[in-house]
């Protein structure tokens, strides 16, 4: 795999991890809303289960955030090491010719 293709794939994965992180945040917010609504309702199953679900989801969100941060740093390092901006400019020049 050439360097630009590898970088593009790394950037795609980083975007997907960011999307996953955002999805986890949305799930946490939804669970929180259900917990608030259940304060009025008082359903014992929800009172018992939702805090555990929330905690597991929060733990997963933390793990995803850690993976994203590490992978983003790896991607940035790869871009710098391989001078991706220069390679991208050269690719543009070659496509014009």
PDB file of N, CA and C in Angstrom:
ATOM      1  N   UNK A   1       0.859  -1.172   0.000  1.00  0.00           N
ATOM      2  CA  UNK A   1       0.000   0.000   0.000  1.00  0.00           C
ATOM      3  C   UNK A   1       0.904   1.233   0.000  1.00  0.00           C
ATOM      4  N   UNK A   2       0.608   2.173  -0.912  1.00  0.00           N
ATOM      5  CA  UNK A   2       1.461   3.363  -0.929  1.00  0.00           C
ATOM      6  C   UNK A   2       1.134   4.277   0.246  1.00  0.00           C
ATOM      7  N   UNK A   3       1.995   5.240   0.468  1.00  0.00           N
ATOM      8  CA  UNK A   3       1.897   6.077   1.669  1.00  0.00           C
ATOM      9  C   UNK A   3       0.621   6.902   1.712  1.00  0.00           C
ATOM     10  N   UNK A   4       0.204   7.454   0.572  1.00  0.00           N
ATOM     11  CA  UNK A   4      -1.031   8.249   0.562  1.00  0.00           C
ATOM     12  C   UNK A   4      -2.255   7.384   0.828  1.00  0.00           C
ATOM     13  N   UNK A   5      -2.289   6.214   0.215  1.00  0.00           N
ATOM     14  CA  UNK A   5      -3.422   5.308   0.448  1.00  0.00           C
ATOM     15  C   UNK A   5      -3.472   4.878   1.913  1.00  0.00           C
ATOM     16  N   UNK A   6      -2.322   4.593   2.474  1.00  0.00           N
ATOM     17  CA  UNK A   6      -2.273   4.198   3.884  1.00  0.00           C
ATOM     18  C   UNK A   6      -2.749   5.344   4.772  1.00  0.00           C
ATOM     19  N   UNK A   7      -2.266   6.559   4.487  1.00  0.00           N
ATOM     20  CA  UNK A   7      -2.703   7.713   5.277  1.00  0.00           C
ATOM     21  C   UNK A   7      -4.216   7.931   5.128  1.00  0.00           C
ATOM     22  N   UNK A   8      -4.729   7.842   3.916  1.00  0.00           N
ATOM     23  CA  UNK A   8      -6.168   8.032   3.695  1.00  0.00           C
ATOM     24  C   UNK A   8      -6.983   7.004   4.479  1.00  0.00           C
ATOM     25  N   UNK A   9      -6.503   5.769   4.513  1.00  0.00           N
ATOM     26  CA  UNK A   9      -7.199   4.734   5.289  1.00  0.00           C
ATOM     27  C   UNK A   9      -7.123   5.038   6.784  1.00  0.00           C
ATOM     28  N   UNK A  10      -5.982   5.496   7.236  1.00  0.00           N
ATOM     29  CA  UNK A  10      -5.840   5.867   8.649  1.00  0.00           C
ATOM     30  C   UNK A  10      -6.787   7.021   8.994  1.00  0.00           C
ATOM     31  N   UNK A  11      -6.869   8.010   8.109  1.00  0.00           N
ATOM     32  CA  UNK A  11      -7.765   9.148   8.338  1.00  0.00           C
ATOM     33  C   UNK A  11      -9.220   8.701   8.358  1.00  0.00           C
ATOM     34  N   UNK A  12      -9.569   7.764   7.487  1.00  0.00           N
ATOM     35  CA  UNK A  12     -10.935   7.224   7.462  1.00  0.00           C
ATOM     36  C   UNK A  12     -11.251   6.522   8.781  1.00  0.00           C
ATOM     37  N   UNK A  13     -10.335   5.712   9.253  1.00  0.00           N
ATOM     38  CA  UNK A  13     -10.545   5.005  10.518  1.00  0.00           C
ATOM     39  C   UNK A  13     -10.680   6.010  11.666  1.00  0.00           C
ATOM     40  N   UNK A  14      -9.869   7.045  11.654  1.00  0.00           N
ATOM     41  CA  UNK A  14      -9.960   8.073  12.702  1.00  0.00           C
ATOM     42  C   UNK A  14     -11.337   8.740  12.682  1.00  0.00           C
ATOM     43  N   UNK A  15     -11.860   9.035  11.482  1.00  0.00           N
ATOM     44  CA  UNK A  15     -13.212   9.622  11.378  1.00  0.00           C
ATOM     45  C   UNK A  15     -14.272   8.657  11.900  1.00  0.00           C
ATOM     46  N   UNK A  16     -14.112   7.373  11.597  1.00  0.00           N
ATOM     47  CA  UNK A  16     -15.067   6.370  12.074  1.00  0.00           C
ATOM     48  C   UNK A  16     -15.014   6.236  13.594  1.00  0.00           C
ATOM     49  N   UNK A  17     -13.823   6.300  14.159  1.00  0.00           N
ATOM     50  CA  UNK A  17     -13.690   6.264  15.622  1.00  0.00           C
ATOM     51  C   UNK A  17     -14.329   7.503  16.251  1.00  0.00           C
ATOM     52  N   UNK A  18     -14.153   8.653  15.618  1.00  0.00           N
ATOM     53  CA  UNK A  18     -14.790   9.886  16.104  1.00  0.00           C
ATOM     54  C   UNK A  18     -16.314   9.746  16.068  1.00  0.00           C
ATOM     55  N   UNK A  19     -16.823   9.172  14.993  1.00  0.00           N
ATOM     56  CA  UNK A  19     -18.263   8.940  14.881  1.00  0.00           C
ATOM     57  C   UNK A  19     -18.735   7.972  15.958  1.00  0.00           C
ATOM     58  N   UNK A  20     -17.967   6.936  16.206  1.00  0.00           N
ATOM     59  CA  UNK A  20     -18.296   5.974  17.255  1.00  0.00           C
ATOM     60  C   UNK A  20     -18.319   6.645  18.619  1.00  0.00           C
ATOM     61  N   UNK A  21     -17.327   7.509  18.876  1.00  0.00           N
ATOM     62  CA  UNK A  21     -17.278   8.254  20.134  1.00  0.00           C
ATOM     63  C   UNK A  21     -18.531   9.117  20.295  1.00  0.00           C
ATOM     64  N   UNK A  22     -18.910   9.802  19.223  1.00  0.00           N
ATOM     65  CA  UNK A  22     -20.111  10.643  19.269  1.00  0.00           C
ATOM     66  C   UNK A  22     -21.373   9.817  19.483  1.00  0.00           C
ATOM     67  N   UNK A  23     -21.427   8.651  18.878  1.00  0.00           N
ATOM     68  CA  UNK A  23     -22.581   7.760  19.064  1.00  0.00           C
ATOM     69  C   UNK A  23     -22.693   7.296  20.512  1.00  0.00           C
ATOM     70  N   UNK A  24     -21.555   6.964  21.107  1.00  0.00           N
ATOM     71  CA  UNK A  24     -21.563   6.551  22.510  1.00  0.00           C
ATOM     72  C   UNK A  24     -22.051   7.687  23.397  1.00  0.00           C
ATOM     73  N   UNK A  25     -21.627   8.915  23.089  1.00  0.00           N
ATOM     74  CA  UNK A  25     -22.079  10.077  23.860  1.00  0.00           C
ATOM     75  C   UNK A  25     -23.590  10.236  23.737  1.00  0.00           C
ATOM     76  N   UNK A  26     -24.117  10.025  22.540  1.00  0.00           N
ATOM     77  CA  UNK A  26     -25.564  10.130  22.332  1.00  0.00           C
ATOM     78  C   UNK A  26     -26.309   9.058  23.129  1.00  0.00           C
ATOM     79  N   UNK A  27     -25.744   7.853  23.191  1.00  0.00           N
ATOM     80  CA  UNK A  27     -26.361   6.775  23.973  1.00  0.00           C
ATOM     81  C   UNK A  27     -26.369   7.150  25.455  1.00  0.00           C
ATOM     82  N   UNK A  28     -25.263   7.694  25.946  1.00  0.00           N
ATOM     83  CA  UNK A  28     -25.203   8.116  27.356  1.00  0.00           C
ATOM     84  C   UNK A  28     -26.258   9.181  27.649  1.00  0.00           C
ATOM     85  N   UNK A  29     -26.410  10.126  26.757  1.00  0.00           N
ATOM     86  CA  UNK A  29     -27.421  11.172  26.952  1.00  0.00           C
ATOM     87  C   UNK A  29     -28.829  10.582  26.956  1.00  0.00           C
ATOM     88  N   UNK A  30     -29.076   9.631  26.079  1.00  0.00           N
ATOM     89  CA  UNK A  30     -30.392   8.988  26.005  1.00  0.00           C
ATOM     90  C   UNK A  30     -30.680   8.216  27.290  1.00  0.00           C
ATOM     91  N   UNK A  31     -29.705   7.494  27.796  1.00  0.00           N
ATOM     92  CA  UNK A  31     -29.888   6.762  29.053  1.00  0.00           C
ATOM     93  C   UNK A  31     -30.184   7.749  30.172  1.00  0.00           C
ATOM     94  N   UNK A  32     -29.454   8.858  30.212  1.00  0.00           N
ATOM     95  CA  UNK A  32     -29.693   9.879  31.232  1.00  0.00           C
ATOM     96  C   UNK A  32     -31.117  10.427  31.172  1.00  0.00           C
ATOM     97  N   UNK A  33     -31.617  10.662  29.968  1.00  0.00           N
ATOM     98  CA  UNK A  33     -32.989  11.161  29.807  1.00  0.00           C
ATOM     99  C   UNK A  33     -34.003  10.140  30.307  1.00  0.00           C
ATOM    100  N   UNK A  34     -33.746   8.878  30.004  1.00  0.00           N
ATOM    101  CA  UNK A  34     -34.657   7.823  30.480  1.00  0.00           C
ATOM    102  C   UNK A  34     -34.635   7.760  32.000  1.00  0.00           C
ATOM    103  N   UNK A  35     -33.446   7.884  32.597  1.00  0.00           N
ATOM    104  CA  UNK A  35     -33.352   7.875  34.061  1.00  0.00           C
ATOM    105  C   UNK A  35     -34.134   9.040  34.661  1.00  0.00           C
ATOM    106  N   UNK A  36     -34.030  10.212  34.056  1.00  0.00           N
ATOM    107  CA  UNK A  36     -34.771  11.376  34.557  1.00  0.00           C
ATOM    108  C   UNK A  36     -36.276  11.145  34.425  1.00  0.00           C
ATOM    109  N   UNK A  37     -36.713  10.638  33.282  1.00  0.00           N
ATOM    110  CA  UNK A  37     -38.141  10.350  33.095  1.00  0.00           C
ATOM    111  C   UNK A  37     -38.636   9.309  34.083  1.00  0.00           C
ATOM    112  N   UNK A  38     -37.753   8.364  34.401  1.00  0.00           N
ATOM    113  CA  UNK A  38     -38.162   7.301  35.315  1.00  0.00           C
ATOM    114  C   UNK A  38     -38.271   7.803  36.751  1.00  0.00           C
ATOM    115  N   UNK A  39     -37.670   8.932  37.072  1.00  0.00           N
ATOM    116  CA  UNK A  39     -37.843   9.492  38.415  1.00  0.00           C
ATOM    117  C   UNK A  39     -39.322   9.693  38.686  1.00  0.00           C
ATOM    118  N   UNK A  40     -40.025  10.211  37.687  1.00  0.00           N
ATOM    119  CA  UNK A  40     -41.469  10.419  37.831  1.00  0.00           C
ATOM    120  C   UNK A  40     -42.237   9.099  37.778  1.00  0.00           C
ATOM    121  N   UNK A  41     -41.798   8.200  36.893  1.00  0.00           N
ATOM    122  CA  UNK A  41     -42.500   6.934  36.718  1.00  0.00           C
ATOM    123  C   UNK A  41     -42.243   5.978  37.876  1.00  0.00           C
ATOM    124  N   UNK A  42     -40.990   5.850  38.277  1.00  0.00           N
ATOM    125  CA  UNK A  42     -40.653   4.985  39.402  1.00  0.00           C
ATOM    126  C   UNK A  42     -40.617   3.505  39.098  1.00  0.00           C
ATOM    127  N   UNK A  43     -40.287   3.133  37.881  1.00  0.00           N
ATOM    128  CA  UNK A  43     -40.205   1.718  37.528  1.00  0.00           C
ATOM    129  C   UNK A  43     -38.959   1.105  38.154  1.00  0.00           C
ATOM    130  N   UNK A  44     -39.147   0.049  38.949  1.00  0.00           N
ATOM    131  CA  UNK A  44     -38.037  -0.539  39.701  1.00  0.00           C
ATOM    132  C   UNK A  44     -37.014  -1.227  38.792  1.00  0.00           C
ATOM    133  N   UNK A  45     -37.449  -1.818  37.705  1.00  0.00           N
ATOM    134  CA  UNK A  45     -36.508  -2.460  36.781  1.00  0.00           C
ATOM    135  C   UNK A  45     -35.572  -1.423  36.177  1.00  0.00           C
ATOM    136  N   UNK A  46     -36.137  -0.298  35.743  1.00  0.00           N
ATOM    137  CA  UNK A  46     -35.313   0.768  35.177  1.00  0.00           C
ATOM    138  C   UNK A  46     -34.379   1.360  36.231  1.00  0.00           C
ATOM    139  N   UNK A  47     -34.892   1.542  37.446  1.00  0.00           N
ATOM    140  CA  UNK A  47     -34.060   2.077  38.527  1.00  0.00           C
ATOM    141  C   UNK A  47     -32.864   1.174  38.798  1.00  0.00           C
ATOM    142  N   UNK A  48     -33.086  -0.123  38.709  1.00  0.00           N
ATOM    143  CA  UNK A  48     -32.026  -1.091  39.002  1.00  0.00           C
ATOM    144  C   UNK A  48     -31.048  -1.236  37.837  1.00  0.00           C
ATOM    145  N   UNK A  49     -31.552  -1.345  36.624  1.00  0.00           N
ATOM    146  CA  UNK A  49     -30.719  -1.698  35.472  1.00  0.00           C
ATOM    147  C   UNK A  49     -30.026  -0.515  34.795  1.00  0.00           C
ATOM    148  N   UNK A  50     -30.682   0.621  34.718  1.00  0.00           N
ATOM    149  CA  UNK A  50     -30.115   1.737  33.959  1.00  0.00           C
ATOM    150  C   UNK A  50     -28.768   2.242  34.481  1.00  0.00           C
ATOM    151  N   UNK A  51     -28.568   2.348  35.786  1.00  0.00           N
ATOM    152  CA  UNK A  51     -27.241   2.799  36.242  1.00  0.00           C
ATOM    153  C   UNK A  51     -26.110   1.863  35.800  1.00  0.00           C
ATOM    154  N   UNK A  52     -26.377   0.569  35.795  1.00  0.00           N
ATOM    155  CA  UNK A  52     -25.363  -0.390  35.359  1.00  0.00           C
ATOM    156  C   UNK A  52     -25.104  -0.264  33.858  1.00  0.00           C
ATOM    157  N   UNK A  53     -26.180  -0.112  33.093  1.00  0.00           N
ATOM    158  CA  UNK A  53     -26.035   0.075  31.644  1.00  0.00           C
ATOM    159  C   UNK A  53     -25.265   1.360  31.362  1.00  0.00           C
ATOM    160  N   UNK A  54     -25.615   2.404  32.082  1.00  0.00           N
ATOM    161  CA  UNK A  54     -24.933   3.691  31.908  1.00  0.00           C
ATOM    162  C   UNK A  54     -23.439   3.544  32.187  1.00  0.00           C
ATOM    163  N   UNK A  55     -23.092   2.870  33.268  1.00  0.00           N
ATOM    164  CA  UNK A  55     -21.686   2.715  33.643  1.00  0.00           C
ATOM    165  C   UNK A  55     -20.914   1.918  32.598  1.00  0.00           C
ATOM    166  N   UNK A  56     -21.492   0.822  32.113  1.00  0.00           N
ATOM    167  CA  UNK A  56     -20.816   0.032  31.081  1.00  0.00           C
ATOM    168  C   UNK A  56     -20.628   0.853  29.812  1.00  0.00           C
ATOM    169  N   UNK A  57     -21.646   1.614  29.450  1.00  0.00           N
ATOM    170  CA  UNK A  57     -21.562   2.460  28.264  1.00  0.00           C
ATOM    171  C   UNK A  57     -20.513   3.551  28.455  1.00  0.00           C
ATOM    172  N   UNK A  58     -20.465   4.140  29.642  1.00  0.00           N
ATOM    173  CA  UNK A  58     -19.462   5.169  29.937  1.00  0.00           C
ATOM    174  C   UNK A  58     -18.053   4.581  29.878  1.00  0.00           C
ATOM    175  N   UNK A  59     -17.890   3.366  30.383  1.00  0.00           N
ATOM    176  CA  UNK A  59     -16.582   2.708  30.313  1.00  0.00           C
ATOM    177  C   UNK A  59     -16.170   2.476  28.860  1.00  0.00           C
ATOM    178  N   UNK A  60     -17.124   2.031  28.036  1.00  0.00           N
ATOM    179  CA  UNK A  60     -16.842   1.833  26.608  1.00  0.00           C
ATOM    180  C   UNK A  60     -16.507   3.166  25.936  1.00  0.00           C
ATOM    181  N   UNK A  61     -17.233   4.211  26.286  1.00  0.00           N
ATOM    182  CA  UNK A  61     -16.967   5.534  25.712  1.00  0.00           C
ATOM    183  C   UNK A  61     -15.551   5.986  26.071  1.00  0.00           C
ATOM    184  N   UNK A  62     -15.133   5.747  27.298  1.00  0.00           N
ATOM    185  CA  UNK A  62     -13.768   6.098  27.718  1.00  0.00           C
ATOM    186  C   UNK A  62     -12.732   5.311  26.921  1.00  0.00           C
ATOM    187  N   UNK A  63     -12.999   4.023  26.724  1.00  0.00           N
ATOM    188  CA  UNK A  63     -12.067   3.182  25.971  1.00  0.00           C
ATOM    189  C   UNK A  63     -11.976   3.648  24.522  1.00  0.00           C
ATOM    190  N   UNK A  64     -13.102   3.989  23.934  1.00  0.00           N
ATOM    191  CA  UNK A  64     -13.117   4.479  22.553  1.00  0.00           C
ATOM    192  C   UNK A  64     -12.353   5.788  22.457  1.00  0.00           C
ATOM    193  N   UNK A  65     -12.556   6.674  23.412  1.00  0.00           N
ATOM    194  CA  UNK A  65     -11.853   7.965  23.423  1.00  0.00           C
ATOM    195  C   UNK A  65     -10.337   7.740  23.528  1.00  0.00           C
ATOM    196  N   UNK A  66      -9.919   6.805  24.360  1.00  0.00           N
ATOM    197  CA  UNK A  66      -8.492   6.503  24.497  1.00  0.00           C
ATOM    198  C   UNK A  66      -7.912   5.947  23.194  1.00  0.00           C
ATOM    199  N   UNK A  67      -8.642   5.023  22.572  1.00  0.00           N
ATOM    200  CA  UNK A  67      -8.190   4.451  21.304  1.00  0.00           C
ATOM    201  C   UNK A  67      -8.118   5.545  20.236  1.00  0.00           C
ATOM    202  N   UNK A  68      -9.134   6.387  20.185  1.00  0.00           N
ATOM    203  CA  UNK A  68      -9.142   7.475  19.204  1.00  0.00           C
ATOM    204  C   UNK A  68      -7.951   8.406  19.405  1.00  0.00           C
ATOM    205  N   UNK A  69      -7.698   8.804  20.643  1.00  0.00           N
ATOM    206  CA  UNK A  69      -6.579   9.710  20.917  1.00  0.00           C
ATOM    207  C   UNK A  69      -5.242   9.093  20.483  1.00  0.00           C
ATOM    208  N   UNK A  70      -5.041   7.840  20.836  1.00  0.00           N
ATOM    209  CA  UNK A  70      -3.807   7.150  20.478  1.00  0.00           C
ATOM    210  C   UNK A  70      -3.682   6.990  18.969  1.00  0.00           C
ATOM    211  N   UNK A  71      -4.784   6.583  18.334  1.00  0.00           N
ATOM    212  CA  UNK A  71      -4.749   6.361  16.890  1.00  0.00           C
ATOM    213  C   UNK A  71      -4.575   7.680  16.146  1.00  0.00           C
ATOM    214  N   UNK A  72      -5.196   8.746  16.628  1.00  0.00           N
ATOM    215  CA  UNK A  72      -5.045  10.051  15.987  1.00  0.00           C
ATOM    216  C   UNK A  72      -3.596  10.512  16.065  1.00  0.00           C
ATOM    217  N   UNK A  73      -2.953  10.271  17.199  1.00  0.00           N
ATOM    218  CA  UNK A  73      -1.538  10.627  17.331  1.00  0.00           C
ATOM    219  C   UNK A  73      -0.686   9.808  16.366  1.00  0.00           C
ATOM    220  N   UNK A  74      -0.996   8.530  16.236  1.00  0.00           N
ATOM    221  CA  UNK A  74      -0.283   7.675  15.289  1.00  0.00           C
ATOM    222  C   UNK A  74      -0.456   8.187  13.864  1.00  0.00           C
ATOM    223  N   UNK A  75      -1.673   8.586  13.519  1.00  0.00           N
ATOM    224  CA  UNK A  75      -1.957   9.120  12.190  1.00  0.00           C
ATOM    225  C   UNK A  75      -1.199  10.420  11.947  1.00  0.00           C
ATOM    226  N   UNK A  76      -1.209  11.303  12.931  1.00  0.00           N
ATOM    227  CA  UNK A  76      -0.477  12.574  12.812  1.00  0.00           C
ATOM    228  C   UNK A  76       1.020  12.337  12.656  1.00  0.00           C
ATOM    229  N   UNK A  77       1.554  11.409  13.438  1.00  0.00           N
ATOM    230  CA  UNK A  77       2.978  11.083  13.351  1.00  0.00           C
ATOM    231  C   UNK A  77       3.322  10.517  11.972  1.00  0.00           C
ATOM    232  N   UNK A  78       2.460   9.650  11.462  1.00  0.00           N
ATOM    233  CA  UNK A  78       2.670   9.067  10.130  1.00  0.00           C
ATOM    234  C   UNK A  78       2.674  10.164   9.063  1.00  0.00           C
ATOM    235  N   UNK A  79       1.736  11.094   9.169  1.00  0.00           N
ATOM    236  CA  UNK A  79       1.651  12.192   8.207  1.00  0.00           C
ATOM    237  C   UNK A  79       2.919  13.038   8.232  1.00  0.00           C
ATOM    238  N   UNK A  80       3.394  13.336   9.411  1.00  0.00           N
ATOM    239  CA  UNK A  80       4.603  14.152   9.535  1.00  0.00           C
ATOM    240  C   UNK A  80       5.835  13.398   9.018  1.00  0.00           C
ATOM    241  N   UNK A  81       5.962  12.161   9.419  1.00  0.00           N
ATOM    242  CA  UNK A  81       7.125  11.354   9.036  1.00  0.00           C
ATOM    243  C   UNK A  81       7.209  11.166   7.521  1.00  0.00           C
ATOM    244  N   UNK A  82       6.052  11.026   6.884  1.00  0.00           N
ATOM    245  CA  UNK A  82       6.009  10.735   5.452  1.00  0.00           C
ATOM    246  C   UNK A  82       5.682  11.951   4.597  1.00  0.00           C
ATOM    247  N   UNK A  83       5.651  13.126   5.228  1.00  0.00           N
ATOM    248  CA  UNK A  83       5.409  14.381   4.517  1.00  0.00           C
ATOM    249  C   UNK A  83       4.192  14.257   3.588  1.00  0.00           C
ATOM    250  N   UNK A  84       3.070  13.898   4.172  1.00  0.00           N
ATOM    251  CA  UNK A  84       1.850  13.641   3.412  1.00  0.00           C
ATOM    252  C   UNK A  84       1.401  14.871   2.628  1.00  0.00           C
ATOM    253  N   UNK A  85       1.562  16.053   3.194  1.00  0.00           N
ATOM    254  CA  UNK A  85       1.165  17.267   2.463  1.00  0.00           C
ATOM    255  C   UNK A  85       1.939  17.395   1.153  1.00  0.00           C
ATOM    256  N   UNK A  86       3.235  17.145   1.191  1.00  0.00           N
ATOM    257  CA  UNK A  86       4.050  17.216  -0.026  1.00  0.00           C
ATOM    258  C   UNK A  86       3.638  16.133  -1.019  1.00  0.00           C
ATOM    259  N   UNK A  87       3.389  14.929  -0.522  1.00  0.00           N
ATOM    260  CA  UNK A  87       2.945  13.855  -1.405  1.00  0.00           C
ATOM    261  C   UNK A  87       1.601  14.185  -2.055  1.00  0.00           C
ATOM    262  N   UNK A  88       0.714  14.810  -1.289  1.00  0.00           N
ATOM    263  CA  UNK A  88      -0.599  15.197  -1.816  1.00  0.00           C
ATOM    264  C   UNK A  88      -0.435  16.263  -2.909  1.00  0.00           C
ATOM    265  N   UNK A  89       0.457  17.234  -2.672  1.00  0.00           N
ATOM    266  CA  UNK A  89       0.723  18.258  -3.688  1.00  0.00           C
ATOM    267  C   UNK A  89       1.293  17.634  -4.961  1.00  0.00           C
ATOM    268  N   UNK A  90       2.200  16.709  -4.782  1.00  0.00           N
ATOM    269  CA  UNK A  90       2.797  16.035  -5.954  1.00  0.00           C
ATOM    270  C   UNK A  90       1.746  15.240  -6.714  1.00  0.00           C
ATOM    271  N   UNK A  91       0.853  14.610  -5.992  1.00  0.00           N
ATOM    272  CA  UNK A  91      -0.228  13.850  -6.632  1.00  0.00           C
ATOM    273  C   UNK A  91      -1.105  14.786  -7.461  1.00  0.00           C
ATOM    274  N   UNK A  92      -1.397  15.964  -6.927  1.00  0.00           N
ATOM    275  CA  UNK A  92      -2.204  16.946  -7.648  1.00  0.00           C
ATOM    276  C   UNK A  92      -1.476  17.410  -8.913  1.00  0.00           C
ATOM    277  N   UNK A  93      -0.188  17.702  -8.781  1.00  0.00           N
ATOM    278  CA  UNK A  93       0.607  18.131  -9.933  1.00  0.00           C
ATOM    279  C   UNK A  93       0.619  17.041 -11.008  1.00  0.00           C
ATOM    280  N   UNK A  94       0.801  15.806 -10.599  1.00  0.00           N
ATOM    281  CA  UNK A  94       0.848  14.695 -11.547  1.00  0.00           C
ATOM    282  C   UNK A  94      -0.481  14.493 -12.244  1.00  0.00           C
ATOM    283  N   UNK A  95      -1.568  14.762 -11.555  1.00  0.00           N
ATOM    284  CA  UNK A  95      -2.880  14.560 -12.164  1.00  0.00           C
ATOM    285  C   UNK A  95      -3.223  15.660 -13.183  1.00  0.00           C
ATOM    286  N   UNK A  96      -2.568  16.831 -13.038  1.00  0.00           N
ATOM    287  CA  UNK A  96      -2.790  17.931 -13.976  1.00  0.00           C
ATOM    288  C   UNK A  96      -2.059  17.683 -15.286  1.00  0.00           C
ATOM    289  N   UNK A  97      -0.911  17.037 -15.201  1.00  0.00           N
ATOM    290  CA  UNK A  97      -0.073  16.800 -16.392  1.00  0.00           C
ATOM    291  C   UNK A  97      -0.715  15.879 -17.383  1.00  0.00           C
TER     292      UNK A  97
END
